[in-house]
Structure formats: C-alpha cells, structure tokens
Amino acid sequence: APPLKKEEKKDDEDEAIDDDIIGNAEVKLNQLGPKVGDSCEVEVQLHDEDGEKSGLLYFSLIREDEGLPYTLKVLVHRGQGLKAMDLGGTSDPYCVLRIGTTENKTQCIDSTLDPVWNEKFFFSVTDPQAKMEVECYDKDAAGGWHEMRDAEGEAALKPIAEALRNSKRLFVDEDF
C-alpha cells in the first residue's frame, strides 16, 4: 500500500485544510473481465498509519469498453466500521480514488462510521496492470482543536479536549 499521509488541499474558499487519513488500500483492476459490462463487487479493507484495520469500503467496478484504453465506471457504495477520528466517537469521512494521474473524490458524510455515498466515477484505464488507490479521510474544519500548529507545522499542544477523552471526570475549581 502507498505510504499514508495527511492530505493538504484548498477548499472552495481557498482556506487551507489538513484532513486526517482514516486508512488506505489498493485495488488491482486486472480482476475485471475483458468484455464490456464485466463487473465485480469489491470489499476493500482499509489500514491506518500503524497498519491496523480501520474499516471497510464497498465498490462496484464496471468495464465500459473492450481493449485498451477502456473506461472504468466505479460505484462507491458505502463504508462500514470506519475508525473514529473525532472527539464524539465518529468521523466525517470521504474517499479519494486515484488511477494513474486521475483522481476523484466522494462527498463528505458528517458524523458517521458507516457512510453511504452511492457515487459514480469514470476513469480511463490505459495499463492492463493498473491499480486503483483508495484513501479514506476524516474531514476536519479549519482551525479545529487538532489543527493547532507551531511554525514548523508540527502539533504545538494538545488542548483540554484530548485530555477529556482520556479521563473519566473533570474537576473545576469554582474560583476558576
């Protein structure tokens, strides 16, 4: 599998966002038959930065043409049991699919570990040994609690929100 990384991009307002990766995987496309209409259902096991299982994704791959290049229709159905990345025990997942230099992205589904996308994408496949790279991210709001960074881009501090995750009670002095 390709190395895991944070995706850095610009959103519609040109505001920088860093999204945390939930997991990634590769799908070999040579399992698809050579005829128009050949299809296969794919269950993809995602793995996180530590190599741990981080959820499942379900796709349909459908060949639209014979020979090379051919058009591949990818139906992204859903995710199941994705790793929780947010404080509330959920994630705001979306997927990035890449074949060669072509990349497509699903919509973000808020606050779920079992997203349903039912989105359709088309790719031109020119290599008989092509693979589809799949990365699933947790969308983070710019300026979120885990977006605090120092000048070098490293995490500067972990605010009280993380401490709350790791403790059972929070005592506050009334004079505080």
C-alpha atoms as a PDB file:
ATOM      1  CA  ALA A   1       0.000   0.000   0.000  1.00  0.00           C
ATOM      2  CA  PRO A   2       1.205   3.541  -0.646  1.00  0.00           C
ATOM      3  CA  PRO A   3       2.517   5.484   2.345  1.00  0.00           C
ATOM      4  CA  LEU A   4      -0.095   7.189   4.460  1.00  0.00           C
ATOM      5  CA  LYS A   5      -0.071  10.945   4.630  1.00  0.00           C
ATOM      6  CA  LYS A   6      -2.180  13.901   5.529  1.00  0.00           C
ATOM      7  CA  GLU A   7      -3.940  15.420   2.583  1.00  0.00           C
ATOM      8  CA  GLU A   8      -3.268  19.129   2.256  1.00  0.00           C
ATOM      9  CA  LYS A   9      -5.540  20.981  -0.073  1.00  0.00           C
ATOM     10  CA  LYS A  10      -7.633  24.098  -0.516  1.00  0.00           C
ATOM     11  CA  ASP A  11     -11.387  24.109  -0.111  1.00  0.00           C
ATOM     12  CA  ASP A  12     -13.843  26.231  -2.083  1.00  0.00           C
ATOM     13  CA  GLU A  13     -12.952  29.336  -0.089  1.00  0.00           C
ATOM     14  CA  ASP A  14      -9.211  28.783  -0.670  1.00  0.00           C
ATOM     15  CA  GLU A  15      -8.731  28.150   3.033  1.00  0.00           C
ATOM     16  CA  ALA A  16      -6.069  25.560   3.863  1.00  0.00           C
ATOM     17  CA  ILE A  17      -7.347  22.308   5.405  1.00  0.00           C
ATOM     18  CA  ASP A  18      -5.465  19.317   6.782  1.00  0.00           C
ATOM     19  CA  ASP A  19      -7.581  16.173   6.862  1.00  0.00           C
ATOM     20  CA  ASP A  20      -6.616  13.099   8.860  1.00  0.00           C
ATOM     21  CA  ILE A  21      -6.337   9.822   6.996  1.00  0.00           C
ATOM     22  CA  ILE A  22      -8.578   7.046   8.261  1.00  0.00           C
ATOM     23  CA  GLY A  23      -6.938   4.417   6.077  1.00  0.00           C
ATOM     24  CA  ASN A  24      -5.919   3.379   2.598  1.00  0.00           C
ATOM     25  CA  ALA A  25      -5.783   0.384   0.261  1.00  0.00           C
ATOM     26  CA  GLU A  26      -5.125  -0.618  -3.354  1.00  0.00           C
ATOM     27  CA  VAL A  27      -7.487  -2.437  -5.709  1.00  0.00           C
ATOM     28  CA  LYS A  28      -5.953  -4.416  -8.595  1.00  0.00           C
ATOM     29  CA  LEU A  29      -8.031  -3.835 -11.702  1.00  0.00           C
ATOM     30  CA  ASN A  30      -6.867  -6.979 -13.525  1.00  0.00           C
ATOM     31  CA  GLN A  31      -9.555  -8.945 -11.650  1.00  0.00           C
ATOM     32  CA  LEU A  32     -12.086  -7.325 -14.006  1.00  0.00           C
ATOM     33  CA  GLY A  33     -13.019  -9.317 -17.120  1.00  0.00           C
ATOM     34  CA  PRO A  34     -12.152  -8.134 -20.673  1.00  0.00           C
ATOM     35  CA  LYS A  35     -15.720  -7.697 -22.005  1.00  0.00           C
ATOM     36  CA  VAL A  36     -17.996  -4.660 -21.993  1.00  0.00           C
ATOM     37  CA  GLY A  37     -20.240  -4.890 -18.943  1.00  0.00           C
ATOM     38  CA  ASP A  38     -17.898  -7.175 -16.994  1.00  0.00           C
ATOM     39  CA  SER A  39     -18.139  -6.155 -13.380  1.00  0.00           C
ATOM     40  CA  CYS A  40     -17.069  -7.150  -9.929  1.00  0.00           C
ATOM     41  CA  GLU A  41     -18.074  -6.248  -6.419  1.00  0.00           C
ATOM     42  CA  VAL A  42     -15.148  -5.242  -4.245  1.00  0.00           C
ATOM     43  CA  GLU A  43     -14.797  -5.149  -0.461  1.00  0.00           C
ATOM     44  CA  VAL A  44     -11.716  -3.141   0.500  1.00  0.00           C
ATOM     45  CA  GLN A  45     -10.066  -3.452   3.913  1.00  0.00           C
ATOM     46  CA  LEU A  46      -8.538  -0.118   4.938  1.00  0.00           C
ATOM     47  CA  HIS A  47      -5.407   0.083   7.089  1.00  0.00           C
ATOM     48  CA  ASP A  48      -4.314   3.066   9.167  1.00  0.00           C
ATOM     49  CA  GLU A  49      -0.840   4.564   9.686  1.00  0.00           C
ATOM     50  CA  ASP A  50       0.042   1.773  12.134  1.00  0.00           C
ATOM     51  CA  GLY A  51      -1.099  -0.987   9.781  1.00  0.00           C
ATOM     52  CA  GLU A  52      -4.197  -1.644  11.883  1.00  0.00           C
ATOM     53  CA  LYS A  53      -7.548  -2.360  10.238  1.00  0.00           C
ATOM     54  CA  SER A  54      -9.548   0.880  10.069  1.00  0.00           C
ATOM     55  CA  GLY A  55     -12.769  -0.059   8.281  1.00  0.00           C
ATOM     56  CA  LEU A  56     -14.254  -1.477   5.086  1.00  0.00           C
ATOM     57  CA  LEU A  57     -15.290   0.148   1.814  1.00  0.00           C
ATOM     58  CA  TYR A  58     -17.623  -1.365  -0.781  1.00  0.00           C
ATOM     59  CA  PHE A  59     -17.363  -0.676  -4.540  1.00  0.00           C
ATOM     60  CA  SER A  60     -18.609  -1.954  -7.869  1.00  0.00           C
ATOM     61  CA  LEU A  61     -16.220  -1.881 -10.838  1.00  0.00           C
ATOM     62  CA  ILE A  62     -17.801  -1.995 -14.304  1.00  0.00           C
ATOM     63  CA  ARG A  63     -15.921  -2.130 -17.598  1.00  0.00           C
ATOM     64  CA  GLU A  64     -17.469   0.207 -20.183  1.00  0.00           C
ATOM     65  CA  ASP A  65     -15.230  -0.646 -23.238  1.00  0.00           C
ATOM     66  CA  GLU A  66     -13.140  -3.514 -24.621  1.00  0.00           C
ATOM     67  CA  GLY A  67      -9.401  -3.336 -25.199  1.00  0.00           C
ATOM     68  CA  LEU A  68      -7.076  -0.585 -24.034  1.00  0.00           C
ATOM     69  CA  PRO A  69      -7.657   2.090 -23.083  1.00  0.00           C
ATOM     70  CA  TYR A  70     -11.035   1.367 -21.544  1.00  0.00           C
ATOM     71  CA  THR A  71     -13.459   3.339 -19.437  1.00  0.00           C
ATOM     72  CA  LEU A  72     -13.970   2.058 -15.910  1.00  0.00           C
ATOM     73  CA  LYS A  73     -17.096   3.013 -14.013  1.00  0.00           C
ATOM     74  CA  VAL A  74     -16.573   2.917 -10.243  1.00  0.00           C
ATOM     75  CA  LEU A  75     -19.589   2.921  -7.960  1.00  0.00           C
ATOM     76  CA  VAL A  76     -18.605   3.831  -4.418  1.00  0.00           C
ATOM     77  CA  HIS A  77     -21.372   2.299  -2.310  1.00  0.00           C
ATOM     78  CA  ARG A  78     -20.534   2.681   1.364  1.00  0.00           C
ATOM     79  CA  GLY A  79     -18.117   2.352   4.243  1.00  0.00           C
ATOM     80  CA  GLN A  80     -18.511   0.195   7.303  1.00  0.00           C
ATOM     81  CA  GLY A  81     -16.901   0.342  10.730  1.00  0.00           C
ATOM     82  CA  LEU A  82     -14.543   3.207   9.887  1.00  0.00           C
ATOM     83  CA  LYS A  83     -12.087   4.333  12.525  1.00  0.00           C
ATOM     84  CA  ALA A  84     -13.387   7.141  14.754  1.00  0.00           C
ATOM     85  CA  MET A  85     -11.226  10.242  14.333  1.00  0.00           C
ATOM     86  CA  ASP A  86     -13.327  12.946  16.051  1.00  0.00           C
ATOM     87  CA  LEU A  87     -13.982  13.644  19.716  1.00  0.00           C
ATOM     88  CA  GLY A  88     -17.585  12.468  19.555  1.00  0.00           C
ATOM     89  CA  GLY A  89     -16.502   8.966  18.510  1.00  0.00           C
ATOM     90  CA  THR A  90     -17.356   9.460  14.833  1.00  0.00           C
ATOM     91  CA  SER A  91     -15.665  10.710  11.672  1.00  0.00           C
ATOM     92  CA  ASP A  92     -16.639  12.922   8.744  1.00  0.00           C
ATOM     93  CA  PRO A  93     -15.427  10.538   6.016  1.00  0.00           C
ATOM     94  CA  TYR A  94     -14.807  11.000   2.321  1.00  0.00           C
ATOM     95  CA  CYS A  95     -12.804   8.905  -0.147  1.00  0.00           C
ATOM     96  CA  VAL A  96     -10.197   9.838  -2.724  1.00  0.00           C
ATOM     97  CA  LEU A  97      -9.889   7.374  -5.636  1.00  0.00           C
ATOM     98  CA  ARG A  98      -6.867   7.520  -7.932  1.00  0.00           C
ATOM     99  CA  ILE A  99      -5.952   5.606 -11.080  1.00  0.00           C
ATOM    100  CA  GLY A 100      -2.761   6.901 -12.654  1.00  0.00           C
ATOM    101  CA  THR A 101      -2.985  10.691 -12.593  1.00  0.00           C
ATOM    102  CA  THR A 102      -6.796  10.822 -12.484  1.00  0.00           C
ATOM    103  CA  GLU A 103      -8.329  11.485  -9.089  1.00  0.00           C
ATOM    104  CA  ASN A 104     -11.949  11.624  -7.927  1.00  0.00           C
ATOM    105  CA  LYS A 105     -13.382  12.398  -4.507  1.00  0.00           C
ATOM    106  CA  THR A 106     -16.669  11.452  -2.835  1.00  0.00           C
ATOM    107  CA  GLN A 107     -18.752  13.881  -0.849  1.00  0.00           C
ATOM    108  CA  CYS A 108     -18.053  14.153   2.869  1.00  0.00           C
ATOM    109  CA  ILE A 109     -20.668  12.476   5.081  1.00  0.00           C
ATOM    110  CA  ASP A 110     -20.784  14.094   8.524  1.00  0.00           C
ATOM    111  CA  SER A 111     -20.624  12.294  11.876  1.00  0.00           C
ATOM    112  CA  THR A 112     -20.694   8.621  10.904  1.00  0.00           C
ATOM    113  CA  LEU A 113     -18.581   5.489  10.896  1.00  0.00           C
ATOM    114  CA  ASP A 114     -20.879   3.813   8.330  1.00  0.00           C
ATOM    115  CA  PRO A 115     -21.218   6.329   5.463  1.00  0.00           C
ATOM    116  CA  VAL A 116     -23.375   5.695   2.401  1.00  0.00           C
ATOM    117  CA  TRP A 117     -22.129   7.508  -0.704  1.00  0.00           C
ATOM    118  CA  ASN A 118     -23.648   5.749  -3.735  1.00  0.00           C
ATOM    119  CA  GLU A 119     -21.495   7.906  -6.019  1.00  0.00           C
ATOM    120  CA  LYS A 120     -20.357   7.122  -9.569  1.00  0.00           C
ATOM    121  CA  PHE A 121     -16.978   7.982 -11.145  1.00  0.00           C
ATOM    122  CA  PHE A 122     -15.352   7.245 -14.506  1.00  0.00           C
ATOM    123  CA  PHE A 123     -11.669   6.551 -15.169  1.00  0.00           C
ATOM    124  CA  SER A 124      -9.735   5.902 -18.355  1.00  0.00           C
ATOM    125  CA  VAL A 125      -7.559   2.823 -17.814  1.00  0.00           C
ATOM    126  CA  THR A 126      -4.527   2.520 -20.105  1.00  0.00           C
ATOM    127  CA  ASP A 127      -2.442  -0.061 -18.222  1.00  0.00           C
ATOM    128  CA  PRO A 128      -3.593  -3.719 -18.004  1.00  0.00           C
ATOM    129  CA  GLN A 129      -1.875  -3.942 -14.586  1.00  0.00           C
ATOM    130  CA  ALA A 130      -3.419  -0.711 -13.255  1.00  0.00           C
ATOM    131  CA  LYS A 131      -4.371  -0.331  -9.617  1.00  0.00           C
ATOM    132  CA  MET A 132      -6.873   1.982  -8.010  1.00  0.00           C
ATOM    133  CA  GLU A 133      -5.520   3.706  -4.915  1.00  0.00           C
ATOM    134  CA  VAL A 134      -8.175   4.334  -2.293  1.00  0.00           C
ATOM    135  CA  GLU A 135      -7.702   6.726   0.601  1.00  0.00           C
ATOM    136  CA  CYS A 136     -10.374   7.489   3.164  1.00  0.00           C
ATOM    137  CA  TYR A 137     -10.069  10.757   5.098  1.00  0.00           C
ATOM    138  CA  ASP A 138     -11.774  12.436   8.035  1.00  0.00           C
ATOM    139  CA  LYS A 139     -12.673  15.992   7.038  1.00  0.00           C
ATOM    140  CA  ASP A 140     -11.506  18.499   9.615  1.00  0.00           C
ATOM    141  CA  ALA A 141     -12.806  22.010   9.942  1.00  0.00           C
ATOM    142  CA  ALA A 142     -10.057  24.613   9.542  1.00  0.00           C
ATOM    143  CA  GLY A 143      -8.982  25.828  12.951  1.00  0.00           C
ATOM    144  CA  GLY A 144     -10.280  22.727  14.714  1.00  0.00           C
ATOM    145  CA  TRP A 145      -8.757  21.703  18.028  1.00  0.00           C
ATOM    146  CA  HIS A 146      -6.234  19.362  16.410  1.00  0.00           C
ATOM    147  CA  GLU A 147      -5.273  21.963  13.814  1.00  0.00           C
ATOM    148  CA  MET A 148      -3.183  23.984  16.297  1.00  0.00           C
ATOM    149  CA  ARG A 149       0.285  24.021  14.793  1.00  0.00           C
ATOM    150  CA  ASP A 150       3.566  25.723  15.508  1.00  0.00           C
ATOM    151  CA  ALA A 151       5.614  27.475  12.839  1.00  0.00           C
ATOM    152  CA  GLU A 152       7.180  24.198  11.633  1.00  0.00           C
ATOM    153  CA  GLY A 153       3.765  22.604  11.122  1.00  0.00           C
ATOM    154  CA  GLU A 154       4.075  20.157  13.996  1.00  0.00           C
ATOM    155  CA  ALA A 155       1.453  19.831  16.696  1.00  0.00           C
ATOM    156  CA  ALA A 156       2.254  22.522  19.262  1.00  0.00           C
ATOM    157  CA  LEU A 157      -0.096  21.443  22.023  1.00  0.00           C
ATOM    158  CA  LYS A 158      -2.935  19.129  22.757  1.00  0.00           C
ATOM    159  CA  PRO A 159      -5.798  21.108  24.277  1.00  0.00           C
ATOM    160  CA  ILE A 160      -8.113  20.018  27.001  1.00  0.00           C
ATOM    161  CA  ALA A 161     -10.380  18.225  24.532  1.00  0.00           C
ATOM    162  CA  GLU A 162      -7.821  15.444  24.194  1.00  0.00           C
ATOM    163  CA  ALA A 163      -7.381  15.275  27.967  1.00  0.00           C
ATOM    164  CA  LEU A 164     -11.145  14.852  28.288  1.00  0.00           C
ATOM    165  CA  ARG A 165     -11.016  11.831  26.014  1.00  0.00           C
ATOM    166  CA  ASN A 166      -8.517  10.184  28.334  1.00  0.00           C
ATOM    167  CA  SER A 167     -10.162  10.967  31.681  1.00  0.00           C
ATOM    168  CA  LYS A 168     -13.380   9.939  33.324  1.00  0.00           C
ATOM    169  CA  ARG A 169     -14.065  13.202  35.207  1.00  0.00           C
ATOM    170  CA  LEU A 170     -13.086  16.805  35.037  1.00  0.00           C
ATOM    171  CA  PHE A 171     -12.970  18.770  38.275  1.00  0.00           C
ATOM    172  CA  VAL A 172     -13.137  22.514  38.002  1.00  0.00           C
ATOM    173  CA  ASP A 173     -12.396  24.847  40.900  1.00  0.00           C
ATOM    174  CA  GLU A 174     -15.369  27.165  41.434  1.00  0.00           C
ATOM    175  CA  ASP A 175     -12.989  30.144  41.622  1.00  0.00           C
ATOM    176  CA  PHE A 176     -11.523  29.268  38.268  1.00  0.00           C
END
